[in-house]
C-alpha cells in the first residue's frame, strides 16, 4: 500500500493504512485492459532474464532459514533495523492537536520528539 503525503510517496502496510486511504487507492487502481495485459505477458515471455517461476521452482524452494548462513538470516530478520541500541516502545497520550502538528511536521517526527524529550530531561 502506498500513500502520497506532502508531495512524497510513502510505502505503508495495509495495517497502517486507514480505511479511507485504502478505499481511495483501491478505487484509483489502473488495471490494464485485456489487450494491454496480453502485450505485457508477451513481453514477459520474451525476456530471457525474467522467466516466470514455475511449479518446479516452488516445489524445490526451501525456507531462507535453512539455506542462508545463520548470521545472514538473523540480520535479515532482525526486528530492529535501526542503528544503535534498541529503543523501548512506549505508548504516550497527547492531545489530538499536538499529535496532528507533530505528524504534519514531516518524516522522522518521532525522532524529533525523542530529541525534544532528551533535551527536556537534561535540564
Protein backbone atom coordinates (compact mmCIF):
# COMPACT_ATOMS: atom_id res chain seq x y z
CA UNK A 1 0.00 0.00 0.00
CA UNK A 2 1.28 3.47 -0.70
CA UNK A 3 0.07 6.93 0.09
CA UNK A 4 1.03 10.40 -1.05
CA UNK A 5 1.67 12.90 1.72
CA UNK A 6 3.23 16.30 1.33
CA UNK A 7 4.23 15.64 -2.30
CA UNK A 8 6.10 12.45 -1.39
CA UNK A 9 5.07 8.85 -1.91
CA UNK A 10 5.26 6.67 1.17
CA UNK A 11 5.01 2.89 1.23
CA UNK A 12 2.91 1.76 4.16
CA UNK A 13 1.47 -1.55 5.24
CA UNK A 14 -2.23 -2.24 4.92
CA UNK A 15 -2.35 -2.46 8.70
CA UNK A 16 -1.15 1.14 8.96
CA UNK A 17 -3.34 2.47 6.18
CA UNK A 18 -6.50 4.00 7.43
CA UNK A 19 -9.70 2.80 5.82
CA UNK A 20 -10.23 6.00 3.86
CA UNK A 21 -6.74 5.81 2.30
CA UNK A 22 -7.12 2.13 1.48
CA UNK A 23 -10.51 2.67 -0.16
CA UNK A 24 -9.30 5.72 -2.11
CA UNK A 25 -6.28 3.88 -3.53
CA UNK A 26 -8.31 0.77 -4.28
CA UNK A 27 -10.69 2.89 -6.36
CA UNK A 28 -7.81 4.63 -8.18
CA UNK A 29 -6.10 1.42 -9.31
CA UNK A 30 -5.48 1.47 -13.04
CA UNK A 31 -5.62 -2.13 -14.17
CA UNK A 32 -4.50 -2.93 -17.69
CA UNK A 33 -7.12 -3.79 -20.25
CA UNK A 34 -7.11 -7.40 -21.53
CA UNK A 35 -5.26 -6.22 -24.66
CA UNK A 36 -2.64 -4.37 -22.59
CA UNK A 37 -2.28 -7.40 -20.34
CA UNK A 38 -1.63 -9.61 -23.40
CA UNK A 39 1.15 -7.25 -24.52
CA UNK A 40 2.66 -7.33 -21.02
CA UNK A 41 2.51 -11.13 -20.87
CA UNK A 42 4.17 -11.46 -24.29
CA UNK A 43 6.95 -9.15 -23.13
CA UNK A 44 7.48 -11.29 -20.02
CA UNK A 45 7.61 -14.45 -22.12
CA UNK A 46 10.20 -12.94 -24.49
CA UNK A 47 12.56 -11.72 -21.75
CA UNK A 48 15.22 -14.40 -21.14
CA UNK A 49 16.36 -12.69 -17.93
CA UNK A 50 12.89 -12.61 -16.43
CA UNK A 51 11.38 -16.04 -16.81
CA UNK A 52 8.29 -16.88 -14.81
CA UNK A 53 8.74 -19.10 -11.79
CA UNK A 54 7.09 -22.42 -12.48
CA UNK A 55 5.89 -25.33 -10.39
CA UNK A 56 9.42 -26.81 -10.28
CA UNK A 57 10.78 -23.68 -8.62
CA UNK A 58 8.13 -23.65 -5.91
CA UNK A 59 8.34 -27.40 -5.35
CA UNK A 60 12.11 -27.16 -4.79
CA UNK A 61 12.01 -23.90 -2.79
CA UNK A 62 13.34 -24.02 0.77
CA UNK A 63 12.85 -21.63 3.70
CA UNK A 64 15.51 -18.94 3.93
CA UNK A 65 16.37 -20.13 7.44
CA UNK A 66 17.58 -23.45 6.00
CA UNK A 67 19.70 -22.12 3.13
CA UNK A 68 21.25 -18.89 4.45
CA UNK A 69 24.10 -18.75 6.94
CA UNK A 70 22.66 -18.18 10.45
CA UNK A 71 24.24 -14.72 10.86
CA UNK A 72 22.88 -13.52 7.49
CA UNK A 73 19.40 -14.85 8.27
CA UNK A 74 19.50 -13.17 11.70
CA UNK A 75 20.45 -9.83 10.13
CA UNK A 76 17.67 -10.10 7.56
CA UNK A 77 15.01 -10.96 10.12
CA UNK A 78 16.08 -8.61 12.91
CA UNK A 79 13.06 -6.72 14.21
CA UNK A 80 15.01 -3.54 14.96
CA UNK A 81 16.74 -2.39 11.79
CA UNK A 82 17.82 0.97 13.24
CA UNK A 83 21.45 1.54 14.00
CA UNK A 84 22.37 1.92 17.63
CA UNK A 85 20.85 0.38 20.71
CA UNK A 86 17.24 -0.73 20.62
CA UNK A 87 14.75 1.77 21.98
CA UNK A 88 11.81 0.71 24.12
CA UNK A 89 8.45 1.20 22.51
CA UNK A 90 6.11 3.25 24.70
CA UNK A 91 2.56 4.48 24.49
CA UNK A 92 2.11 8.18 25.17
CA UNK A 93 -1.20 10.02 25.27
CA UNK A 94 -1.14 13.54 23.86
CA UNK A 95 -3.84 15.98 22.79
CA UNK A 96 -5.14 15.46 19.27
CA UNK A 97 -3.98 18.87 18.05
CA UNK A 98 -0.45 18.21 19.33
CA UNK A 99 -0.37 14.83 17.60
CA UNK A 100 -1.61 16.30 14.31
CA UNK A 101 1.03 19.07 14.39
CA UNK A 102 3.77 16.54 15.10
CA UNK A 103 2.69 14.33 12.20
CA UNK A 104 2.33 17.33 9.91
CA UNK A 105 5.93 18.33 10.65
CA UNK A 106 7.05 15.65 8.21
CA UNK A 107 9.03 12.44 8.15
CA UNK A 108 11.02 11.43 11.24
CA UNK A 109 8.70 13.34 13.56
CA UNK A 110 9.18 10.60 16.17
CA UNK A 111 12.94 11.26 16.17
CA UNK A 112 12.30 14.97 16.73
CA UNK A 113 10.01 14.16 19.66
CA UNK A 114 12.74 11.90 21.07
CA UNK A 115 15.28 14.74 20.76
CA UNK A 116 12.90 17.21 22.44
CA UNK A 117 12.27 14.80 25.32
CA UNK A 118 16.02 14.20 25.69
CA UNK A 119 16.59 17.97 25.94
CA UNK A 120 13.79 18.27 28.49
CA UNK A 121 15.16 15.60 30.82
CA UNK A 122 18.70 17.02 30.65
CA UNK A 123 17.55 20.38 32.04
